[in-house]
C-alpha atoms as a PDB file:
ATOM      1  CA  MET A   1     -96.839 -22.672 130.864  1.00  0.00           C
ATOM      2  CA  ARG A   2     -95.126 -25.031 132.136  1.00  0.00           C
ATOM      3  CA  VAL A   3     -97.451 -27.977 130.939  1.00  0.00           C
ATOM      4  CA  SER A   4     -96.612 -26.398 127.455  1.00  0.00           C
ATOM      5  CA  ASN A   5     -93.039 -26.199 127.849  1.00  0.00           C
ATOM      6  CA  CYS A   6     -92.809 -29.804 129.504  1.00  0.00           C
ATOM      7  CA  VAL A   7     -94.821 -30.693 125.971  1.00  0.00           C
ATOM      8  CA  ALA A   8     -92.768 -28.805 123.895  1.00  0.00           C
ATOM      9  CA  LEU A   9     -89.664 -30.546 125.843  1.00  0.00           C
ATOM     10  CA  ALA A  10     -90.869 -33.735 125.269  1.00  0.00           C
ATOM     11  CA  ALA A  11     -91.982 -33.025 121.374  1.00  0.00           C
ATOM     12  CA  ALA A  12     -88.624 -31.958 120.921  1.00  0.00           C
ATOM     13  CA  SER A  13     -86.895 -34.861 122.561  1.00  0.00           C
ATOM     14  CA  VAL A  14     -89.281 -37.229 120.331  1.00  0.00           C
ATOM     15  CA  ILE A  15     -88.027 -35.449 117.243  1.00  0.00           C
ATOM     16  CA  SER A  16     -84.239 -35.949 118.546  1.00  0.00           C
ATOM     17  CA  VAL A  17     -84.703 -39.317 119.065  1.00  0.00           C
ATOM     18  CA  SER A  18     -86.095 -39.833 115.824  1.00  0.00           C
ATOM     19  CA  MET A  19     -83.320 -38.030 113.715  1.00  0.00           C
ATOM     20  CA  ALA A  20     -80.609 -39.806 115.616  1.00  0.00           C
ATOM     21  CA  GLN A  21     -82.473 -42.887 114.643  1.00  0.00           C
ATOM     22  CA  ALA A  22     -83.013 -41.755 111.537  1.00  0.00           C
ATOM     23  CA  GLN A  23     -79.159 -40.613 111.213  1.00  0.00           C
ATOM     24  CA  ASP A  24     -77.846 -44.078 113.056  1.00  0.00           C
ATOM     25  CA  ARG A  25     -79.858 -45.931 110.130  1.00  0.00           C
ATOM     26  CA  ASP A  26     -78.536 -43.934 107.310  1.00  0.00           C
ATOM     27  CA  GLY A  27     -77.502 -46.203 104.329  1.00  0.00           C
ATOM     28  CA  TRP A  28     -78.603 -49.147 105.817  1.00  0.00           C
ATOM     29  CA  PRO A  29     -79.905 -52.056 103.610  1.00  0.00           C
ATOM     30  CA  SER A  30     -83.611 -52.755 103.333  1.00  0.00           C
ATOM     31  CA  ASP A  31     -82.656 -56.589 103.125  1.00  0.00           C
ATOM     32  CA  LEU A  32     -78.994 -58.461 104.109  1.00  0.00           C
ATOM     33  CA  THR A  33     -77.625 -62.077 103.358  1.00  0.00           C
ATOM     34  CA  VAL A  34     -75.506 -64.375 105.712  1.00  0.00           C
ATOM     35  CA  GLY A  35     -73.307 -66.214 104.009  1.00  0.00           C
ATOM     36  CA  THR A  36     -73.313 -70.028 105.698  1.00  0.00           C
ATOM     37  CA  ALA A  37     -72.811 -73.718 104.530  1.00  0.00           C
ATOM     38  CA  SER A  38     -74.344 -77.018 103.720  1.00  0.00           C
ATOM     39  CA  GLN A  39     -77.533 -77.940 105.633  1.00  0.00           C
ATOM     40  CA  GLY A  40     -76.750 -80.011 108.241  1.00  0.00           C
ATOM     41  CA  GLY A  41     -73.409 -78.315 109.750  1.00  0.00           C
ATOM     42  CA  VAL A  42     -73.283 -75.869 112.232  1.00  0.00           C
ATOM     43  CA  TYR A  43     -73.193 -72.781 110.212  1.00  0.00           C
ATOM     44  CA  PHE A  44     -76.212 -73.040 108.348  1.00  0.00           C
ATOM     45  CA  VAL A  45     -77.866 -73.363 111.905  1.00  0.00           C
ATOM     46  CA  TYR A  46     -75.973 -70.713 113.412  1.00  0.00           C
ATOM     47  CA  GLY A  47     -75.978 -68.036 110.185  1.00  0.00           C
ATOM     48  CA  ASN A  48     -80.076 -68.838 109.702  1.00  0.00           C
ATOM     49  CA  GLY A  49     -80.631 -67.945 113.534  1.00  0.00           C
ATOM     50  CA  LEU A  50     -78.177 -64.862 113.418  1.00  0.00           C
ATOM     51  CA  ALA A  51     -80.431 -63.789 110.701  1.00  0.00           C
ATOM     52  CA  SER A  52     -83.903 -63.946 112.187  1.00  0.00           C
ATOM     53  CA  PHE A  53     -82.494 -62.374 115.238  1.00  0.00           C
ATOM     54  CA  ILE A  54     -81.300 -59.460 113.547  1.00  0.00           C
ATOM     55  CA  SER A  55     -84.878 -59.274 111.662  1.00  0.00           C
ATOM     56  CA  GLU A  56     -86.543 -60.056 114.788  1.00  0.00           C
ATOM     57  CA  GLU A  57     -84.283 -56.542 116.902  1.00  0.00           C
ATOM     58  CA  LEU A  58     -83.027 -54.846 114.032  1.00  0.00           C
ATOM     59  CA  GLY A  59     -86.339 -54.577 111.609  1.00  0.00           C
ATOM     60  CA  ILE A  60     -84.314 -55.701 108.630  1.00  0.00           C
ATOM     61  CA  ASN A  61     -85.365 -58.473 106.138  1.00  0.00           C
ATOM     62  CA  ALA A  62     -82.039 -60.757 107.081  1.00  0.00           C
ATOM     63  CA  SER A  63     -81.464 -64.229 105.655  1.00  0.00           C
ATOM     64  CA  GLY A  64     -79.087 -66.972 105.419  1.00  0.00           C
ATOM     65  CA  GLU A  65     -77.951 -68.703 102.059  1.00  0.00           C
ATOM     66  CA  VAL A  66     -76.982 -72.129 101.969  1.00  0.00           C
ATOM     67  CA  THR A  67     -73.335 -71.884 100.261  1.00  0.00           C
ATOM     68  CA  GLY A  68     -69.730 -74.148 100.178  1.00  0.00           C
ATOM     69  CA  GLY A  69     -68.751 -72.326 103.409  1.00  0.00           C
ATOM     70  CA  PRO A  70     -66.076 -70.161 104.560  1.00  0.00           C
ATOM     71  CA  VAL A  71     -63.975 -70.129 101.234  1.00  0.00           C
ATOM     72  CA  GLN A  72     -66.785 -68.704  99.227  1.00  0.00           C
ATOM     73  CA  ASN A  73     -68.165 -66.667 102.027  1.00  0.00           C
ATOM     74  CA  VAL A  74     -65.286 -64.480 102.082  1.00  0.00           C
ATOM     75  CA  THR A  75     -65.076 -64.093  98.696  1.00  0.00           C
ATOM     76  CA  LEU A  76     -69.123 -63.503  98.450  1.00  0.00           C
ATOM     77  CA  LEU A  77     -68.085 -60.708 100.722  1.00  0.00           C
ATOM     78  CA  GLN A  78     -64.979 -59.238  99.075  1.00  0.00           C
ATOM     79  CA  MET A  79     -67.353 -58.919  95.671  1.00  0.00           C
ATOM     80  CA  GLN A  80     -70.410 -57.280  97.956  1.00  0.00           C
ATOM     81  CA  GLU A  81     -72.405 -60.021  96.972  1.00  0.00           C
ATOM     82  CA  HIS A  82     -73.534 -60.854 100.810  1.00  0.00           C
ATOM     83  CA  ASP A  83     -73.624 -58.582 103.548  1.00  0.00           C
ATOM     84  CA  ILE A  84     -72.350 -61.093 106.774  1.00  0.00           C
ATOM     85  CA  GLY A  85     -70.842 -63.839 105.900  1.00  0.00           C
ATOM     86  CA  LEU A  86     -69.303 -67.141 108.709  1.00  0.00           C
ATOM     87  CA  VAL A  87     -65.674 -67.795 108.476  1.00  0.00           C
ATOM     88  CA  THR A  88     -63.203 -70.259 110.374  1.00  0.00           C
ATOM     89  CA  MET A  89     -60.036 -67.900 110.339  1.00  0.00           C
ATOM     90  CA  GLY A  90     -57.330 -70.607 108.594  1.00  0.00           C
ATOM     91  CA  PRO A  91     -59.619 -69.996 105.506  1.00  0.00           C
ATOM     92  CA  MET A  92     -59.687 -66.086 106.003  1.00  0.00           C
ATOM     93  CA  TYR A  93     -56.109 -65.492 106.132  1.00  0.00           C
ATOM     94  CA  GLU A  94     -55.281 -67.442 103.003  1.00  0.00           C
ATOM     95  CA  ALA A  95     -58.231 -65.066 101.203  1.00  0.00           C
ATOM     96  CA  TRP A  96     -56.684 -61.856 102.908  1.00  0.00           C
ATOM     97  CA  ILE A  97     -53.284 -62.512 101.751  1.00  0.00           C
ATOM     98  CA  GLY A  98     -54.454 -63.767  97.887  1.00  0.00           C
ATOM     99  CA  GLU A  99     -54.274 -67.113  98.310  1.00  0.00           C
ATOM    100  CA  SER A 100     -57.550 -68.390  98.243  1.00  0.00           C
ATOM    101  CA  GLU A 101     -58.563 -71.580  96.201  1.00  0.00           C
ATOM    102  CA  LEU A 102     -61.466 -69.913  94.814  1.00  0.00           C
ATOM    103  CA  ALA A 103     -59.876 -66.505  94.294  1.00  0.00           C
ATOM    104  CA  PRO A 104     -56.420 -66.876  93.359  1.00  0.00           C
ATOM    105  CA  GLY A 105     -54.465 -63.703  93.171  1.00  0.00           C
ATOM    106  CA  LEU A 106     -56.906 -61.512  94.596  1.00  0.00           C
ATOM    107  CA  PRO A 107     -55.989 -59.954  98.515  1.00  0.00           C
ATOM    108  CA  HIS A 108     -59.167 -60.149 100.199  1.00  0.00           C
ATOM    109  CA  THR A 109     -58.813 -56.970 101.962  1.00  0.00           C
ATOM    110  CA  ASP A 110     -61.716 -55.405 102.284  1.00  0.00           C
ATOM    111  CA  VAL A 111     -63.269 -58.009 104.826  1.00  0.00           C
ATOM    112  CA  ARG A 112     -63.380 -56.904 108.276  1.00  0.00           C
ATOM    113  CA  ALA A 113     -64.228 -59.010 111.441  1.00  0.00           C
ATOM    114  CA  LEU A 114     -67.526 -58.020 113.544  1.00  0.00           C
ATOM    115  CA  PHE A 115     -67.351 -60.654 116.075  1.00  0.00           C
ATOM    116  CA  PRO A 116     -65.979 -63.888 117.752  1.00  0.00           C
ATOM    117  CA  MET A 117     -68.113 -66.835 117.064  1.00  0.00           C
ATOM    118  CA  TYR A 118     -66.783 -70.620 118.026  1.00  0.00           C
ATOM    119  CA  GLU A 119     -64.175 -72.816 117.866  1.00  0.00           C
ATOM    120  CA  THR A 120     -64.700 -75.362 115.284  1.00  0.00           C
ATOM    121  CA  PRO A 121     -62.756 -78.973 115.969  1.00  0.00           C
ATOM    122  CA  PHE A 122     -62.434 -81.480 113.249  1.00  0.00           C
ATOM    123  CA  GLN A 123     -63.569 -85.033 113.807  1.00  0.00           C
ATOM    124  CA  GLY A 124     -64.546 -88.058 111.585  1.00  0.00           C
ATOM    125  CA  ILE A 125     -67.280 -90.468 112.296  1.00  0.00           C
ATOM    126  CA  ALA A 126     -68.084 -93.887 110.798  1.00  0.00           C
ATOM    127  CA  LEU A 127     -70.008 -96.937 111.462  1.00  0.00           C
ATOM    128  CA  CYS A 128     -69.017 -99.357 114.283  1.00  0.00           C
ATOM    129  CA  SER A 129     -68.721-101.941 111.655  1.00  0.00           C
ATOM    130  CA  GLN A 130     -65.596-100.481 110.068  1.00  0.00           C
ATOM    131  CA  ASN A 131     -63.438-100.790 112.878  1.00  0.00           C
ATOM    132  CA  ILE A 132     -62.110 -96.921 112.571  1.00  0.00           C
ATOM    133  CA  THR A 133     -60.998 -95.325 116.137  1.00  0.00           C
ATOM    134  CA  SER A 134     -58.703 -92.757 114.489  1.00  0.00           C
ATOM    135  CA  VAL A 135     -57.465 -90.751 111.455  1.00  0.00           C
ATOM    136  CA  GLY A 136     -54.950 -93.311 110.495  1.00  0.00           C
ATOM    137  CA  ASP A 137     -57.247 -96.266 110.134  1.00  0.00           C
ATOM    138  CA  LEU A 138     -58.701 -94.108 107.031  1.00  0.00           C
ATOM    139  CA  ALA A 139     -56.075 -95.384 104.696  1.00  0.00           C
ATOM    140  CA  GLY A 140     -57.628 -97.190 101.712  1.00  0.00           C
ATOM    141  CA  LYS A 141     -61.286 -96.178 102.988  1.00  0.00           C
ATOM    142  CA  ARG A 142     -63.840 -94.269 101.164  1.00  0.00           C
ATOM    143  CA  VAL A 143     -64.175 -90.640 103.048  1.00  0.00           C
ATOM    144  CA  SER A 144     -66.159 -87.891 102.392  1.00  0.00           C
ATOM    145  CA  VAL A 145     -64.768 -84.510 103.746  1.00  0.00           C
ATOM    146  CA  GLY A 146     -67.680 -82.328 103.436  1.00  0.00           C
ATOM    147  CA  PRO A 147     -68.706 -79.754 100.421  1.00  0.00           C
ATOM    148  CA  ALA A 148     -65.553 -78.358  98.433  1.00  0.00           C
ATOM    149  CA  GLY A 149     -64.423 -74.707  99.664  1.00  0.00           C
ATOM    150  CA  GLY A 150     -65.476 -75.078 103.062  1.00  0.00           C
ATOM    151  CA  THR A 151     -63.102 -75.755 106.099  1.00  0.00           C
ATOM    152  CA  PRO A 152     -63.137 -79.540 106.321  1.00  0.00           C
ATOM    153  CA  GLY A 153     -63.016 -79.951 102.548  1.00  0.00           C
ATOM    154  CA  THR A 154     -60.219 -77.331 102.046  1.00  0.00           C
ATOM    155  CA  TYR A 155     -58.055 -78.675 105.211  1.00  0.00           C
ATOM    156  CA  TRP A 156     -59.051 -82.763 105.722  1.00  0.00           C
ATOM    157  CA  PRO A 157     -57.300 -83.448 102.406  1.00  0.00           C
ATOM    158  CA  ARG A 158     -54.470 -81.402 103.803  1.00  0.00           C
ATOM    159  CA  ILE A 159     -54.748 -83.308 107.294  1.00  0.00           C
ATOM    160  CA  LEU A 160     -54.393 -86.733 105.410  1.00  0.00           C
ATOM    161  CA  GLU A 161     -51.441 -85.528 103.203  1.00  0.00           C
ATOM    162  CA  ALA A 162     -49.647 -84.577 106.461  1.00  0.00           C
ATOM    163  CA  LEU A 163     -50.350 -88.147 107.717  1.00  0.00           C
ATOM    164  CA  ASP A 164     -49.299 -89.735 104.883  1.00  0.00           C
ATOM    165  CA  VAL A 165     -52.814 -91.032 104.915  1.00  0.00           C
ATOM    166  CA  SER A 166     -54.100 -92.143 101.602  1.00  0.00           C
ATOM    167  CA  ALA A 167     -57.566 -92.429 101.168  1.00  0.00           C
ATOM    168  CA  THR A 168     -60.381 -91.903  98.031  1.00  0.00           C
ATOM    169  CA  VAL A 169     -62.042 -88.275  99.236  1.00  0.00           C
ATOM    170  CA  SER A 170     -65.246 -86.912  97.930  1.00  0.00           C
ATOM    171  CA  PHE A 171     -67.272 -83.882  98.611  1.00  0.00           C
ATOM    172  CA  ALA A 172     -70.825 -83.523 100.051  1.00  0.00           C
ATOM    173  CA  GLY A 173     -72.732 -81.182 102.015  1.00  0.00           C
ATOM    174  CA  ALA A 174     -73.249 -82.744 105.758  1.00  0.00           C
ATOM    175  CA  ALA A 175     -76.279 -83.926 105.305  1.00  0.00           C
ATOM    176  CA  ASP A 176     -75.850 -85.555 102.028  1.00  0.00           C
ATOM    177  CA  ALA A 177     -72.552 -87.256 103.649  1.00  0.00           C
ATOM    178  CA  ALA A 178     -74.566 -88.445 106.540  1.00  0.00           C
ATOM    179  CA  SER A 179     -77.019 -90.251 104.258  1.00  0.00           C
ATOM    180  CA  GLN A 180     -73.622 -91.603 102.240  1.00  0.00           C
ATOM    181  CA  LEU A 181     -72.444 -92.579 105.136  1.00  0.00           C
ATOM    182  CA  GLN A 182     -75.823 -94.724 106.192  1.00  0.00           C
ATOM    183  CA  ASP A 183     -76.329 -95.972 102.587  1.00  0.00           C
ATOM    184  CA  GLY A 184     -72.678 -97.421 102.515  1.00  0.00           C
ATOM    185  CA  LEU A 185     -71.372 -95.951  99.919  1.00  0.00           C
ATOM    186  CA  ILE A 186     -68.749 -94.234 101.979  1.00  0.00           C
ATOM    187  CA  ASP A 187     -67.187 -95.753 104.813  1.00  0.00           C
ATOM    188  CA  ALA A 188     -66.199 -92.613 107.168  1.00  0.00           C
ATOM    189  CA  PHE A 189     -67.158 -89.073 107.058  1.00  0.00           C
ATOM    190  CA  VAL A 190     -64.882 -85.945 108.316  1.00  0.00           C
ATOM    191  CA  PHE A 191     -66.300 -82.885 108.961  1.00  0.00           C
ATOM    192  CA  ALA A 192     -65.007 -79.880 110.957  1.00  0.00           C
ATOM    193  CA  ALA A 193     -67.929 -77.747 112.778  1.00  0.00           C
ATOM    194  CA  GLY A 194     -68.841 -76.062 116.176  1.00  0.00           C
ATOM    195  CA  LEU A 195     -70.497 -79.309 118.503  1.00  0.00           C
ATOM    196  CA  PRO A 196     -72.581 -80.765 118.583  1.00  0.00           C
ATOM    197  CA  ILE A 197     -72.508 -81.442 114.760  1.00  0.00           C
ATOM    198  CA  GLY A 198     -76.237 -81.594 113.727  1.00  0.00           C
ATOM    199  CA  ALA A 199     -75.123 -84.512 110.697  1.00  0.00           C
ATOM    200  CA  PHE A 200     -73.427 -86.525 113.579  1.00  0.00           C
ATOM    201  CA  SER A 201     -75.982 -86.144 116.083  1.00  0.00           C
ATOM    202  CA  GLN A 202     -78.110 -87.687 113.354  1.00  0.00           C
ATOM    203  CA  ILE A 203     -75.889 -90.388 112.132  1.00  0.00           C
ATOM    204  CA  ALA A 204     -75.471 -91.561 115.868  1.00  0.00           C
ATOM    205  CA  ALA A 205     -78.885 -91.264 116.685  1.00  0.00           C
ATOM    206  CA  GLU A 206     -79.906 -93.622 113.759  1.00  0.00           C
ATOM    207  CA  SER A 207     -77.146 -95.666 113.515  1.00  0.00           C
ATOM    208  CA  ASP A 208     -75.049 -98.182 115.206  1.00  0.00           C
ATOM    209  CA  ALA A 209     -72.092 -95.248 114.951  1.00  0.00           C
ATOM    210  CA  CYS A 210     -68.717 -94.294 116.306  1.00  0.00           C
ATOM    211  CA  PRO A 211     -66.978 -91.007 116.680  1.00  0.00           C
ATOM    212  CA  PHE A 212     -63.076 -90.462 116.263  1.00  0.00           C
ATOM    213  CA  ALA A 213     -60.208 -87.930 115.903  1.00  0.00           C
ATOM    214  CA  PHE A 214     -56.864 -88.255 116.202  1.00  0.00           C
ATOM    215  CA  SER A 215     -54.424 -90.554 117.779  1.00  0.00           C
ATOM    216  CA  GLU A 216     -51.589 -89.007 120.126  1.00  0.00           C
ATOM    217  CA  GLU A 217     -49.291 -89.502 117.673  1.00  0.00           C
ATOM    218  CA  GLU A 218     -51.261 -88.055 114.808  1.00  0.00           C
ATOM    219  CA  HIS A 219     -52.515 -85.023 117.178  1.00  0.00           C
ATOM    220  CA  ALA A 220     -49.166 -83.954 117.664  1.00  0.00           C
ATOM    221  CA  ALA A 221     -48.118 -84.418 113.903  1.00  0.00           C
ATOM    222  CA  VAL A 222     -51.196 -82.142 112.895  1.00  0.00           C
ATOM    223  CA  LEU A 223     -50.347 -79.466 115.529  1.00  0.00           C
ATOM    224  CA  GLU A 224     -46.669 -79.083 114.095  1.00  0.00           C
ATOM    225  CA  ALA A 225     -47.426 -79.175 110.565  1.00  0.00           C
ATOM    226  CA  PHE A 226     -50.522 -76.673 110.796  1.00  0.00           C
ATOM    227  CA  PRO A 227     -49.765 -73.415 112.746  1.00  0.00           C
ATOM    228  CA  GLU A 228     -53.378 -72.094 112.366  1.00  0.00           C
ATOM    229  CA  VAL A 229     -54.889 -74.857 114.261  1.00  0.00           C
ATOM    230  CA  SER A 230     -54.852 -75.084 118.036  1.00  0.00           C
ATOM    231  CA  ASN A 231     -55.052 -77.699 120.319  1.00  0.00           C
ATOM    232  CA  PHE A 232     -58.489 -79.249 121.090  1.00  0.00           C
ATOM    233  CA  THR A 233     -60.432 -81.614 123.564  1.00  0.00           C
ATOM    234  CA  ILE A 234     -63.786 -83.211 122.162  1.00  0.00           C
ATOM    235  CA  PRO A 235     -65.706 -84.002 125.112  1.00  0.00           C
ATOM    236  CA  ALA A 236     -66.788 -87.812 126.330  1.00  0.00           C
ATOM    237  CA  GLY A 237     -70.441 -87.365 125.999  1.00  0.00           C
ATOM    238  CA  THR A 238     -70.745 -84.841 122.928  1.00  0.00           C
ATOM    239  CA  TYR A 239     -72.556 -87.640 121.407  1.00  0.00           C
ATOM    240  CA  THR A 240     -74.494 -90.582 123.294  1.00  0.00           C
ATOM    241  CA  VAL A 241     -71.970 -92.872 121.607  1.00  0.00           C
ATOM    242  CA  GLN A 242     -69.316 -91.056 122.395  1.00  0.00           C
ATOM    243  CA  ALA A 243     -67.704 -92.389 125.924  1.00  0.00           C
ATOM    244  CA  GLU A 244     -64.281 -90.917 125.689  1.00  0.00           C
ATOM    245  CA  ASP A 245     -62.519 -87.405 125.435  1.00  0.00           C
ATOM    246  CA  GLN A 246     -60.969 -87.516 122.179  1.00  0.00           C
ATOM    247  CA  ASN A 247     -58.120 -85.445 120.639  1.00  0.00           C
ATOM    248  CA  SER A 248     -58.554 -83.207 118.354  1.00  0.00           C
ATOM    249  CA  VAL A 249     -57.298 -79.301 116.795  1.00  0.00           C
ATOM    250  CA  ALA A 250     -59.661 -76.472 115.971  1.00  0.00           C
ATOM    251  CA  MET A 251     -60.030 -73.237 114.282  1.00  0.00           C
ATOM    252  CA  TRP A 252     -62.026 -70.657 115.382  1.00  0.00           C
ATOM    253  CA  ASN A 253     -64.414 -69.001 113.674  1.00  0.00           C
ATOM    254  CA  PHE A 254     -65.781 -65.203 113.210  1.00  0.00           C
ATOM    255  CA  ALA A 255     -68.672 -63.112 111.727  1.00  0.00           C
ATOM    256  CA  VAL A 256     -66.979 -61.140 109.234  1.00  0.00           C
ATOM    257  CA  VAL A 257     -68.253 -58.161 106.641  1.00  0.00           C
ATOM    258  CA  HIS A 258     -67.441 -56.116 104.030  1.00  0.00           C
ATOM    259  CA  ALA A 259     -65.120 -52.731 105.181  1.00  0.00           C
ATOM    260  CA  ASP A 260     -68.613 -50.610 103.404  1.00  0.00           C
ATOM    261  CA  MET A 261     -71.166 -51.703 105.783  1.00  0.00           C
ATOM    262  CA  PRO A 262     -72.396 -48.489 107.697  1.00  0.00           C
ATOM    263  CA  ASP A 263     -70.354 -47.967 110.794  1.00  0.00           C
ATOM    264  CA  SER A 264     -74.042 -47.639 112.808  1.00  0.00           C
ATOM    265  CA  LEU A 265     -75.242 -51.243 111.347  1.00  0.00           C
ATOM    266  CA  ALA A 266     -71.979 -52.917 112.196  1.00  0.00           C
ATOM    267  CA  TYR A 267     -72.426 -51.309 115.632  1.00  0.00           C
ATOM    268  CA  GLU A 268     -75.347 -52.710 116.363  1.00  0.00           C
ATOM    269  CA  ILE A 269     -75.166 -56.212 115.126  1.00  0.00           C
ATOM    270  CA  THR A 270     -72.189 -56.337 117.138  1.00  0.00           C
ATOM    271  CA  ARG A 271     -73.915 -55.168 120.387  1.00  0.00           C
ATOM    272  CA  LEU A 272     -76.813 -57.340 119.795  1.00  0.00           C
ATOM    273  CA  VAL A 273     -74.859 -60.597 119.464  1.00  0.00           C
ATOM    274  CA  MET A 274     -72.445 -59.575 122.245  1.00  0.00           C
ATOM    275  CA  GLU A 275     -74.812 -58.556 124.564  1.00  0.00           C
ATOM    276  CA  ASN A 276     -76.963 -61.481 124.108  1.00  0.00           C
ATOM    277  CA  ASN A 277     -75.603 -64.785 124.825  1.00  0.00           C
ATOM    278  CA  ASP A 278     -78.567 -66.341 126.367  1.00  0.00           C
ATOM    279  CA  ARG A 279     -80.392 -65.818 122.953  1.00  0.00           C
ATOM    280  CA  MET A 280     -77.533 -66.567 120.803  1.00  0.00           C
ATOM    281  CA  LEU A 281     -77.459 -70.189 122.748  1.00  0.00           C
ATOM    282  CA  GLN A 282     -81.191 -70.818 121.844  1.00  0.00           C
ATOM    283  CA  ILE A 283     -79.628 -71.020 118.090  1.00  0.00           C
ATOM    284  CA  HIS A 284     -77.114 -73.342 118.701  1.00  0.00           C
ATOM    285  CA  ALA A 285     -75.384 -74.698 121.539  1.00  0.00           C
ATOM    286  CA  ALA A 286     -71.432 -74.011 119.840  1.00  0.00           C
ATOM    287  CA  ALA A 287     -72.559 -70.178 120.933  1.00  0.00           C
ATOM    288  CA  VAL A 288     -71.387 -70.669 124.588  1.00  0.00           C
ATOM    289  CA  ALA A 289     -67.775 -69.610 122.933  1.00  0.00           C
ATOM    290  CA  THR A 290     -69.845 -66.163 121.383  1.00  0.00           C
ATOM    291  CA  LEU A 291     -68.322 -64.315 123.577  1.00  0.00           C
ATOM    292  CA  PRO A 292     -66.820 -60.522 123.863  1.00  0.00           C
ATOM    293  CA  GLU A 293     -63.531 -61.709 125.041  1.00  0.00           C
ATOM    294  CA  ASN A 294     -62.623 -64.249 122.509  1.00  0.00           C
ATOM    295  CA  TYR A 295     -62.119 -61.104 120.092  1.00  0.00           C
ATOM    296  CA  VAL A 296     -58.368 -62.044 121.027  1.00  0.00           C
ATOM    297  CA  ASN A 297     -58.272 -65.148 118.938  1.00  0.00           C
ATOM    298  CA  ASN A 298     -58.333 -63.193 115.890  1.00  0.00           C
ATOM    299  CA  SER A 299     -54.538 -61.923 115.220  1.00  0.00           C
ATOM    300  CA  PHE A 300     -54.789 -60.327 111.862  1.00  0.00           C
ATOM    301  CA  LEU A 301     -57.959 -59.356 110.424  1.00  0.00           C
ATOM    302  CA  PRO A 302     -59.350 -55.518 111.009  1.00  0.00           C
ATOM    303  CA  PHE A 303     -62.243 -55.397 112.956  1.00  0.00           C
ATOM    304  CA  HIS A 304     -64.721 -52.953 111.465  1.00  0.00           C
ATOM    305  CA  PRO A 305     -65.119 -49.989 112.762  1.00  0.00           C
ATOM    306  CA  GLY A 306     -68.581 -50.393 113.896  1.00  0.00           C
ATOM    307  CA  ALA A 307     -67.247 -53.176 116.266  1.00  0.00           C
ATOM    308  CA  VAL A 308     -64.009 -51.284 117.616  1.00  0.00           C
ATOM    309  CA  ARG A 309     -66.458 -49.180 118.911  1.00  0.00           C
ATOM    310  CA  TRP A 310     -68.591 -51.231 120.469  1.00  0.00           C
ATOM    311  CA  PHE A 311     -65.658 -53.281 122.173  1.00  0.00           C
ATOM    312  CA  GLU A 312     -64.142 -50.531 123.125  1.00  0.00           C
ATOM    313  CA  GLU A 313     -67.395 -48.861 124.893  1.00  0.00           C
ATOM    314  CA  ASN A 314     -67.317 -52.048 126.567  1.00  0.00           C
ATOM    315  CA  GLY A 315     -63.340 -52.072 127.957  1.00  0.00           C
ATOM    316  CA  PHE A 316     -61.959 -54.360 125.057  1.00  0.00           C
ATOM    317  CA  GLU A 317     -58.936 -52.746 123.400  1.00  0.00           C
ATOM    318  CA  ILE A 318     -58.232 -53.326 119.980  1.00  0.00           C
ATOM    319  CA  SER A 319     -55.039 -52.712 118.834  1.00  0.00           C
ATOM    320  CA  GLU A 320     -54.268 -50.126 116.157  1.00  0.00           C
ATOM    321  CA  ASP A 321     -53.281 -52.956 113.638  1.00  0.00           C
ATOM    322  CA  LEU A 322     -56.375 -54.526 113.882  1.00  0.00           C
ATOM    323  CA  ARG A 323     -58.642 -51.692 113.647  1.00  0.00           C
ATOM    324  CA  GLY A 324     -60.473 -51.454 110.414  1.00  0.00           C
END
């Protein structure tokens, strides 16, 4: 009798667990798209790695998709054409209040935060023969600022204008801009991405290249002109050809989703990333900052209820105004 009871109890437990799992997966999609950015940038590597991790652990056919970057990612999410987007919080805020360059007048208020990713510093690189040592030296030069609609493509022209630096600006994905620089079609390539920037590492390995950022005066002026950025130091040795620390500014990146994502799915994705930093570091070194305590770097975008649940279960308090 005891054996029969034990078998019955075990069977009941299995049925209970199976029902819970089925309930937890209610409304889950069979596939999932992660909006990244251009090839050669950190978003492309991070987003595709995240998609693979989700596929492996959650059994969803997840894949990364090349996009123009954060500005486009936010709108694709708002319109529910993608499931997860990687964004910097500057373009995210503009979209939130209806001032997106891609969809002006449309407040993107259906977007919710999932988890913090890393900081995106602004930096440039040129062939050393150009003698470019700071942003001010870009005056009169041909400069690629990354893809239109991405964070660098949006903010570098504004930064140049704020510093009164007149340059001939062009837009291209990171890999294309790297090729253009090495072929002499442009004089400099300025970008914004997690460190190390893959395209910069490639240029440094293949050419006599010199990374650069801001002089002390330029740095102070940019911090004053753009409250959405914070102080950042690009450490010496980030690239083999970078011998000294460089003054920079940075924006935080977050993974975001649509408010309609099932709470259980948002919870599981948040749990997966926040509890497995070692695995995230295998995807990209920038994930050193993909840590739960960095949730505080989101000051305006409500977190998805599934993400709120994970953070609060693990001792992190989400304020009322940031509960989605």
